[in-house]
Amino acid sequence: MSRFQWRSIFLFVFALSASFSASASVVMTGSRVIYPSDAKSVDVQLRNNDEFPYVIQAWFDSGDQNSTPTTGKAPFVATPPTFRIAAKDGQVLRLFFTGEKALPQDRESIFYFNFLQVPPSNIGGDKGNQMVIMLKNRLKVFYRPAGLKANNKKIFDYLSFSNITANNIRITNASPFYISLGKVAVKGVNAKDKPPMIAPFAAADVALNAGKVTDKNVQGIEIGLVNDYGATVTHEYPIQK
């Protein structure tokens, strides 16, 4: 096997092991997929912003970041699973829940939608051995049962806080929805790391940047949530004494 072939294999594995949504040329409208349990299918829109075409492979996984079209396992399929998207053009994919796995009806379930963009090998002409980088995007898919009683538009009402110290805060999610935190701050002190996503009826401890006040005007607990449209909405809670 030639050195170039080995290099191509390495780049392919590298591309599959990471997500490059920020630099990808093929992008999806929205940052997440909401799949209502009573929907027959859900459409997603892809757009190629480049001046050349790509081949796209689409698949799902249940939490394996390193999944491939052959190893990804989830009760969803995308149609078409493989297609060519022309330069400056778009493509609609139809997502189907297969029903092969019974999912909880009292809370959301989460899966992941992947699409790999493969560029043409002759970009810029034939210049001998070239590195072809294939970019993988991975986005959350929330399977939402139709019978959920909680109102996800009032999700802030379902959060509570405990174990508040200079270094930490525990956030409890009493709702049946996954809550993706975009910001956590206590008295102007932000979270030390990227805020987590909290599963339904679960709690998470968030470490704080102790002593590093970024906003002296905030005296309570400031929470930013990523909504169904990918936007972050914020709310400030008073600290109970």
C-alpha atoms as a PDB file:
ATOM      1  CA  MET A   1       0.000   0.000   0.000  1.00  0.00           C
ATOM      2  CA  SER A   2       1.408   3.432  -0.998  1.00  0.00           C
ATOM      3  CA  ARG A   3       2.156   6.233   1.422  1.00  0.00           C
ATOM      4  CA  PHE A   4      -0.648   8.291  -0.145  1.00  0.00           C
ATOM      5  CA  GLN A   5      -3.178   5.508   0.434  1.00  0.00           C
ATOM      6  CA  TRP A   6      -2.184   5.281   4.082  1.00  0.00           C
ATOM      7  CA  ARG A   7      -2.491   9.064   4.365  1.00  0.00           C
ATOM      8  CA  SER A   8      -5.979   8.974   2.865  1.00  0.00           C
ATOM      9  CA  ILE A   9      -7.081   6.284   5.334  1.00  0.00           C
ATOM     10  CA  PHE A  10      -5.688   8.301   8.252  1.00  0.00           C
ATOM     11  CA  LEU A  11      -7.513  11.438   7.192  1.00  0.00           C
ATOM     12  CA  PHE A  12     -10.765   9.515   6.786  1.00  0.00           C
ATOM     13  CA  VAL A  13     -10.515   8.081  10.293  1.00  0.00           C
ATOM     14  CA  PHE A  14      -9.594  11.513  11.667  1.00  0.00           C
ATOM     15  CA  ALA A  15     -12.584  13.102   9.983  1.00  0.00           C
ATOM     16  CA  LEU A  16     -14.925  10.485  11.398  1.00  0.00           C
ATOM     17  CA  SER A  17     -13.656  11.042  14.929  1.00  0.00           C
ATOM     18  CA  ALA A  18     -14.489  14.744  15.128  1.00  0.00           C
ATOM     19  CA  SER A  19     -17.159  17.209  14.229  1.00  0.00           C
ATOM     20  CA  PHE A  20     -16.343  20.196  12.039  1.00  0.00           C
ATOM     21  CA  SER A  21     -19.704  21.981  11.859  1.00  0.00           C
ATOM     22  CA  ALA A  22     -18.079  25.393  12.324  1.00  0.00           C
ATOM     23  CA  SER A  23     -15.895  25.064   9.210  1.00  0.00           C
ATOM     24  CA  ALA A  24     -18.048  22.787   7.090  1.00  0.00           C
ATOM     25  CA  SER A  25     -19.135  24.064   3.683  1.00  0.00           C
ATOM     26  CA  VAL A  26     -22.280  21.935   3.658  1.00  0.00           C
ATOM     27  CA  VAL A  27     -24.522  23.121   6.480  1.00  0.00           C
ATOM     28  CA  MET A  28     -27.933  22.180   7.834  1.00  0.00           C
ATOM     29  CA  THR A  29     -30.688  24.693   8.514  1.00  0.00           C
ATOM     30  CA  GLY A  30     -30.957  24.700  12.306  1.00  0.00           C
ATOM     31  CA  SER A  31     -28.656  23.196  14.907  1.00  0.00           C
ATOM     32  CA  ARG A  32     -30.851  20.315  16.084  1.00  0.00           C
ATOM     33  CA  VAL A  33     -33.731  18.104  14.988  1.00  0.00           C
ATOM     34  CA  ILE A  34     -36.994  17.785  16.921  1.00  0.00           C
ATOM     35  CA  TYR A  35     -38.861  14.599  15.996  1.00  0.00           C
ATOM     36  CA  PRO A  36     -42.449  14.510  17.353  1.00  0.00           C
ATOM     37  CA  SER A  37     -43.536  10.945  18.034  1.00  0.00           C
ATOM     38  CA  ASP A  38     -46.726  11.397  16.006  1.00  0.00           C
ATOM     39  CA  ALA A  39     -44.887  12.631  12.894  1.00  0.00           C
ATOM     40  CA  LYS A  40     -44.611  10.308   9.900  1.00  0.00           C
ATOM     41  CA  SER A  41     -41.316  11.953   8.954  1.00  0.00           C
ATOM     42  CA  VAL A  42     -39.277  15.115   9.482  1.00  0.00           C
ATOM     43  CA  ASP A  43     -37.471  17.025   6.740  1.00  0.00           C
ATOM     44  CA  VAL A  44     -34.051  18.670   7.127  1.00  0.00           C
ATOM     45  CA  GLN A  45     -32.482  21.073   4.640  1.00  0.00           C
ATOM     46  CA  LEU A  46     -28.800  20.942   3.658  1.00  0.00           C
ATOM     47  CA  ARG A  47     -27.043  23.695   1.722  1.00  0.00           C
ATOM     48  CA  ASN A  48     -23.714  23.556  -0.141  1.00  0.00           C
ATOM     49  CA  ASN A  49     -22.052  26.972   0.106  1.00  0.00           C
ATOM     50  CA  ASP A  50     -18.983  25.976  -1.933  1.00  0.00           C
ATOM     51  CA  GLU A  51     -18.190  26.412  -5.618  1.00  0.00           C
ATOM     52  CA  PHE A  52     -17.888  22.666  -6.192  1.00  0.00           C
ATOM     53  CA  PRO A  53     -20.076  19.609  -5.462  1.00  0.00           C
ATOM     54  CA  TYR A  54     -19.868  17.100  -2.641  1.00  0.00           C
ATOM     55  CA  VAL A  55     -21.004  13.559  -2.047  1.00  0.00           C
ATOM     56  CA  ILE A  56     -22.948  13.344   1.224  1.00  0.00           C
ATOM     57  CA  GLN A  57     -23.400  10.278   3.435  1.00  0.00           C
ATOM     58  CA  ALA A  58     -26.038  10.494   6.191  1.00  0.00           C
ATOM     59  CA  TRP A  59     -26.640   8.200   9.171  1.00  0.00           C
ATOM     60  CA  PHE A  60     -27.655   8.143  12.844  1.00  0.00           C
ATOM     61  CA  ASP A  61     -26.097   6.929  16.083  1.00  0.00           C
ATOM     62  CA  SER A  62     -27.203   6.505  19.683  1.00  0.00           C
ATOM     63  CA  GLY A  63     -24.192   8.146  21.310  1.00  0.00           C
ATOM     64  CA  ASP A  64     -21.119   6.773  19.540  1.00  0.00           C
ATOM     65  CA  GLN A  65     -19.140   9.818  18.401  1.00  0.00           C
ATOM     66  CA  ASN A  66     -16.941   7.607  16.229  1.00  0.00           C
ATOM     67  CA  SER A  67     -19.815   5.944  14.383  1.00  0.00           C
ATOM     68  CA  THR A  68     -19.723   5.433  10.618  1.00  0.00           C
ATOM     69  CA  PRO A  69     -22.473   4.751   8.066  1.00  0.00           C
ATOM     70  CA  THR A  70     -21.944   1.030   8.695  1.00  0.00           C
ATOM     71  CA  THR A  71     -21.560   1.054  12.501  1.00  0.00           C
ATOM     72  CA  GLY A  72     -24.115   3.722  13.467  1.00  0.00           C
ATOM     73  CA  LYS A  73     -27.097   2.251  15.334  1.00  0.00           C
ATOM     74  CA  ALA A  74     -30.335   4.150  15.984  1.00  0.00           C
ATOM     75  CA  PRO A  75     -34.060   3.674  15.196  1.00  0.00           C
ATOM     76  CA  PHE A  76     -33.940   6.278  12.408  1.00  0.00           C
ATOM     77  CA  VAL A  77     -33.128   6.308   8.702  1.00  0.00           C
ATOM     78  CA  ALA A  78     -32.451   9.159   6.292  1.00  0.00           C
ATOM     79  CA  THR A  79     -33.629   9.233   2.678  1.00  0.00           C
ATOM     80  CA  PRO A  80     -31.576   9.474   0.577  1.00  0.00           C
ATOM     81  CA  PRO A  81     -28.687   8.105   2.679  1.00  0.00           C
ATOM     82  CA  THR A  82     -26.089   8.957   0.006  1.00  0.00           C
ATOM     83  CA  PHE A  83     -26.368  11.660  -2.632  1.00  0.00           C
ATOM     84  CA  ARG A  84     -24.507  14.318  -4.603  1.00  0.00           C
ATOM     85  CA  ILE A  85     -25.130  17.959  -3.747  1.00  0.00           C
ATOM     86  CA  ALA A  86     -24.204  20.441  -6.471  1.00  0.00           C
ATOM     87  CA  ALA A  87     -22.294  23.689  -5.940  1.00  0.00           C
ATOM     88  CA  LYS A  88     -24.413  26.459  -4.379  1.00  0.00           C
ATOM     89  CA  ASP A  89     -27.361  24.079  -4.222  1.00  0.00           C
ATOM     90  CA  GLY A  90     -29.543  22.499  -1.564  1.00  0.00           C
ATOM     91  CA  GLN A  91     -30.955  19.090  -0.717  1.00  0.00           C
ATOM     92  CA  VAL A  92     -33.867  18.020   1.451  1.00  0.00           C
ATOM     93  CA  LEU A  93     -33.451  14.833   3.484  1.00  0.00           C
ATOM     94  CA  ARG A  94     -36.434  13.032   4.934  1.00  0.00           C
ATOM     95  CA  LEU A  95     -35.896  11.432   8.341  1.00  0.00           C
ATOM     96  CA  PHE A  96     -37.996   8.474   9.464  1.00  0.00           C
ATOM     97  CA  PHE A  97     -38.427   6.840  12.856  1.00  0.00           C
ATOM     98  CA  THR A  98     -38.343   3.100  12.192  1.00  0.00           C
ATOM     99  CA  GLY A  99     -40.209   2.067  15.349  1.00  0.00           C
ATOM    100  CA  GLU A 100     -37.899  -0.920  15.734  1.00  0.00           C
ATOM    101  CA  LYS A 101     -37.133   0.154  19.292  1.00  0.00           C
ATOM    102  CA  ALA A 102     -39.741   1.101  21.892  1.00  0.00           C
ATOM    103  CA  LEU A 103     -38.863   4.490  23.370  1.00  0.00           C
ATOM    104  CA  PRO A 104     -40.072   6.014  26.658  1.00  0.00           C
ATOM    105  CA  GLN A 105     -43.262   8.020  26.299  1.00  0.00           C
ATOM    106  CA  ASP A 106     -42.880  10.024  29.514  1.00  0.00           C
ATOM    107  CA  ARG A 107     -39.702  11.834  28.452  1.00  0.00           C
ATOM    108  CA  GLU A 108     -37.574  12.739  25.448  1.00  0.00           C
ATOM    109  CA  SER A 109     -34.948  10.407  23.993  1.00  0.00           C
ATOM    110  CA  ILE A 110     -31.798  11.647  22.294  1.00  0.00           C
ATOM    111  CA  PHE A 111     -29.984  10.417  19.193  1.00  0.00           C
ATOM    112  CA  TYR A 112     -27.533  11.967  16.748  1.00  0.00           C
ATOM    113  CA  PHE A 113     -27.755  12.768  13.040  1.00  0.00           C
ATOM    114  CA  ASN A 114     -24.469  12.594  11.115  1.00  0.00           C
ATOM    115  CA  PHE A 115     -23.616  13.715   7.621  1.00  0.00           C
ATOM    116  CA  LEU A 116     -20.190  13.347   6.026  1.00  0.00           C
ATOM    117  CA  GLN A 117     -19.223  15.642   3.153  1.00  0.00           C
ATOM    118  CA  VAL A 118     -16.768  14.157   0.644  1.00  0.00           C
ATOM    119  CA  PRO A 119     -15.226  16.680  -1.790  1.00  0.00           C
ATOM    120  CA  PRO A 120     -14.223  15.822  -5.367  1.00  0.00           C
ATOM    121  CA  SER A 121     -10.655  14.534  -5.687  1.00  0.00           C
ATOM    122  CA  ASN A 122      -9.733  16.872  -8.543  1.00  0.00           C
ATOM    123  CA  ILE A 123     -10.191  20.253  -6.861  1.00  0.00           C
ATOM    124  CA  GLY A 124      -7.629  22.634  -8.355  1.00  0.00           C
ATOM    125  CA  GLY A 125      -6.617  20.147 -11.014  1.00  0.00           C
ATOM    126  CA  ASP A 126      -4.483  17.031 -10.777  1.00  0.00           C
ATOM    127  CA  LYS A 127      -1.392  17.954  -8.770  1.00  0.00           C
ATOM    128  CA  GLY A 128      -0.287  14.491  -7.782  1.00  0.00           C
ATOM    129  CA  ASN A 129      -0.750  13.345  -4.200  1.00  0.00           C
ATOM    130  CA  GLN A 130      -3.304  15.565  -2.454  1.00  0.00           C
ATOM    131  CA  MET A 131      -4.854  15.417   0.988  1.00  0.00           C
ATOM    132  CA  VAL A 132      -8.622  15.044   0.790  1.00  0.00           C
ATOM    133  CA  ILE A 133     -10.307  16.084   4.049  1.00  0.00           C
ATOM    134  CA  MET A 134     -13.808  14.776   4.668  1.00  0.00           C
ATOM    135  CA  LEU A 135     -15.792  16.719   7.236  1.00  0.00           C
ATOM    136  CA  LYS A 136     -18.385  15.154   9.520  1.00  0.00           C
ATOM    137  CA  ASN A 137     -21.225  17.104  11.129  1.00  0.00           C
ATOM    138  CA  ARG A 138     -23.053  15.606  14.105  1.00  0.00           C
ATOM    139  CA  LEU A 139     -26.274  17.122  15.446  1.00  0.00           C
ATOM    140  CA  LYS A 140     -28.706  16.201  18.198  1.00  0.00           C
ATOM    141  CA  VAL A 141     -32.030  14.535  17.413  1.00  0.00           C
ATOM    142  CA  PHE A 142     -34.666  14.795  20.142  1.00  0.00           C
ATOM    143  CA  TYR A 143     -37.466  12.236  19.924  1.00  0.00           C
ATOM    144  CA  ARG A 144     -40.363  14.012  21.631  1.00  0.00           C
ATOM    145  CA  PRO A 145     -43.429  11.979  22.697  1.00  0.00           C
ATOM    146  CA  ALA A 146     -46.694  13.669  21.756  1.00  0.00           C
ATOM    147  CA  GLY A 147     -48.198  13.052  25.203  1.00  0.00           C
ATOM    148  CA  LEU A 148     -45.723  15.074  27.250  1.00  0.00           C
ATOM    149  CA  LYS A 149     -47.619  17.275  29.669  1.00  0.00           C
ATOM    150  CA  ALA A 150     -44.871  19.796  30.403  1.00  0.00           C
ATOM    151  CA  ASN A 151     -44.686  22.976  28.337  1.00  0.00           C
ATOM    152  CA  ASN A 152     -41.198  23.238  26.879  1.00  0.00           C
ATOM    153  CA  LYS A 153     -41.784  26.969  26.318  1.00  0.00           C
ATOM    154  CA  LYS A 154     -41.763  27.402  30.107  1.00  0.00           C
ATOM    155  CA  ILE A 155     -38.785  25.160  30.707  1.00  0.00           C
ATOM    156  CA  PHE A 156     -37.157  27.655  33.113  1.00  0.00           C
ATOM    157  CA  ASP A 157     -39.882  26.785  35.633  1.00  0.00           C
ATOM    158  CA  TYR A 158     -38.583  23.227  35.864  1.00  0.00           C
ATOM    159  CA  LEU A 159     -35.061  24.118  36.995  1.00  0.00           C
ATOM    160  CA  SER A 160     -33.979  24.197  40.627  1.00  0.00           C
ATOM    161  CA  PHE A 161     -30.611  24.808  42.267  1.00  0.00           C
ATOM    162  CA  SER A 162     -28.751  23.428  45.253  1.00  0.00           C
ATOM    163  CA  ASN A 163     -25.232  22.899  46.652  1.00  0.00           C
ATOM    164  CA  ILE A 164     -24.324  26.452  45.647  1.00  0.00           C
ATOM    165  CA  THR A 165     -20.745  27.348  46.608  1.00  0.00           C
ATOM    166  CA  ALA A 166     -18.041  29.598  45.211  1.00  0.00           C
ATOM    167  CA  ASN A 167     -16.863  26.688  43.092  1.00  0.00           C
ATOM    168  CA  ASN A 168     -19.989  24.767  42.151  1.00  0.00           C
ATOM    169  CA  ILE A 169     -23.735  24.711  41.571  1.00  0.00           C
ATOM    170  CA  ARG A 170     -26.052  21.738  41.163  1.00  0.00           C
ATOM    171  CA  ILE A 171     -28.831  22.165  38.600  1.00  0.00           C
ATOM    172  CA  THR A 172     -31.839  19.832  38.681  1.00  0.00           C
ATOM    173  CA  ASN A 173     -34.089  19.344  35.669  1.00  0.00           C
ATOM    174  CA  ALA A 174     -37.587  18.317  36.769  1.00  0.00           C
ATOM    175  CA  SER A 175     -38.949  18.327  33.211  1.00  0.00           C
ATOM    176  CA  PRO A 176     -39.334  15.493  30.667  1.00  0.00           C
ATOM    177  CA  PHE A 177     -37.154  17.454  28.211  1.00  0.00           C
ATOM    178  CA  TYR A 178     -33.424  17.458  27.616  1.00  0.00           C
ATOM    179  CA  ILE A 179     -32.078  20.858  28.660  1.00  0.00           C
ATOM    180  CA  SER A 180     -29.046  22.121  26.738  1.00  0.00           C
ATOM    181  CA  LEU A 181     -27.341  24.781  28.834  1.00  0.00           C
ATOM    182  CA  GLY A 182     -25.718  27.603  26.887  1.00  0.00           C
ATOM    183  CA  LYS A 183     -24.679  29.639  29.923  1.00  0.00           C
ATOM    184  CA  VAL A 184     -24.395  29.190  33.694  1.00  0.00           C
ATOM    185  CA  ALA A 185     -23.307  32.036  35.973  1.00  0.00           C
ATOM    186  CA  VAL A 186     -23.660  32.646  39.720  1.00  0.00           C
ATOM    187  CA  LYS A 187     -23.309  36.279  40.863  1.00  0.00           C
ATOM    188  CA  GLY A 188     -21.452  37.045  37.652  1.00  0.00           C
ATOM    189  CA  VAL A 189     -19.120  34.035  37.921  1.00  0.00           C
ATOM    190  CA  ASN A 190     -19.354  31.876  34.801  1.00  0.00           C
ATOM    191  CA  ALA A 191     -19.107  28.112  34.465  1.00  0.00           C
ATOM    192  CA  LYS A 192     -15.535  26.874  34.290  1.00  0.00           C
ATOM    193  CA  ASP A 193     -16.175  24.603  31.307  1.00  0.00           C
ATOM    194  CA  LYS A 194     -18.804  24.330  28.602  1.00  0.00           C
ATOM    195  CA  PRO A 195     -22.176  23.928  30.360  1.00  0.00           C
ATOM    196  CA  PRO A 196     -23.642  20.425  30.073  1.00  0.00           C
ATOM    197  CA  MET A 197     -26.872  19.058  28.692  1.00  0.00           C
ATOM    198  CA  ILE A 198     -29.090  17.740  31.486  1.00  0.00           C
ATOM    199  CA  ALA A 199     -31.248  14.679  30.848  1.00  0.00           C
ATOM    200  CA  PRO A 200     -34.925  14.586  31.854  1.00  0.00           C
ATOM    201  CA  PHE A 201     -35.510  14.202  35.617  1.00  0.00           C
ATOM    202  CA  ALA A 202     -31.759  14.381  36.274  1.00  0.00           C
ATOM    203  CA  ALA A 203     -29.224  16.738  37.834  1.00  0.00           C
ATOM    204  CA  ALA A 204     -25.739  17.955  36.968  1.00  0.00           C
ATOM    205  CA  ASP A 205     -22.986  19.667  38.943  1.00  0.00           C
ATOM    206  CA  VAL A 206     -21.432  22.644  37.173  1.00  0.00           C
ATOM    207  CA  ALA A 207     -17.987  23.871  38.230  1.00  0.00           C
ATOM    208  CA  LEU A 208     -17.555  27.656  38.467  1.00  0.00           C
ATOM    209  CA  ASN A 209     -14.607  29.968  37.816  1.00  0.00           C
ATOM    210  CA  ALA A 210     -14.327  30.900  41.486  1.00  0.00           C
ATOM    211  CA  GLY A 211     -13.486  34.558  42.086  1.00  0.00           C
ATOM    212  CA  LYS A 212     -13.613  35.559  38.403  1.00  0.00           C
ATOM    213  CA  VAL A 213     -16.565  37.946  38.271  1.00  0.00           C
ATOM    214  CA  THR A 214     -17.503  38.936  34.714  1.00  0.00           C
ATOM    215  CA  ASP A 215     -20.674  40.923  35.470  1.00  0.00           C
ATOM    216  CA  LYS A 216     -20.986  42.665  38.847  1.00  0.00           C
ATOM    217  CA  ASN A 217     -24.568  43.681  38.055  1.00  0.00           C
ATOM    218  CA  VAL A 218     -25.791  40.074  38.151  1.00  0.00           C
ATOM    219  CA  GLN A 219     -26.506  39.048  41.746  1.00  0.00           C
ATOM    220  CA  GLY A 220     -28.497  35.898  41.069  1.00  0.00           C
ATOM    221  CA  ILE A 221     -28.185  32.740  39.001  1.00  0.00           C
ATOM    222  CA  GLU A 222     -28.086  33.411  35.264  1.00  0.00           C
ATOM    223  CA  ILE A 223     -29.059  30.487  33.036  1.00  0.00           C
ATOM    224  CA  GLY A 224     -28.979  30.362  29.245  1.00  0.00           C
ATOM    225  CA  LEU A 225     -30.930  27.586  27.521  1.00  0.00           C
ATOM    226  CA  VAL A 226     -30.661  26.525  23.881  1.00  0.00           C
ATOM    227  CA  ASN A 227     -34.207  26.313  22.521  1.00  0.00           C
ATOM    228  CA  ASP A 228     -35.683  24.202  19.705  1.00  0.00           C
ATOM    229  CA  TYR A 229     -34.456  26.713  17.128  1.00  0.00           C
ATOM    230  CA  GLY A 230     -30.846  26.700  18.326  1.00  0.00           C
ATOM    231  CA  ALA A 231     -31.067  30.153  19.930  1.00  0.00           C
ATOM    232  CA  THR A 232     -29.961  30.796  23.506  1.00  0.00           C
ATOM    233  CA  VAL A 233     -32.545  32.388  25.795  1.00  0.00           C
ATOM    234  CA  THR A 234     -31.585  33.570  29.266  1.00  0.00           C
ATOM    235  CA  HIS A 235     -33.290  33.940  32.630  1.00  0.00           C
ATOM    236  CA  GLU A 236     -32.057  35.148  36.005  1.00  0.00           C
ATOM    237  CA  TYR A 237     -33.117  33.454  39.242  1.00  0.00           C
ATOM    238  CA  PRO A 238     -32.759  34.984  42.707  1.00  0.00           C
ATOM    239  CA  ILE A 239     -30.535  33.114  45.115  1.00  0.00           C
ATOM    240  CA  GLN A 240     -32.668  31.766  47.945  1.00  0.00           C
ATOM    241  CA  LYS A 241     -31.251  32.548  51.389  1.00  0.00           C
END
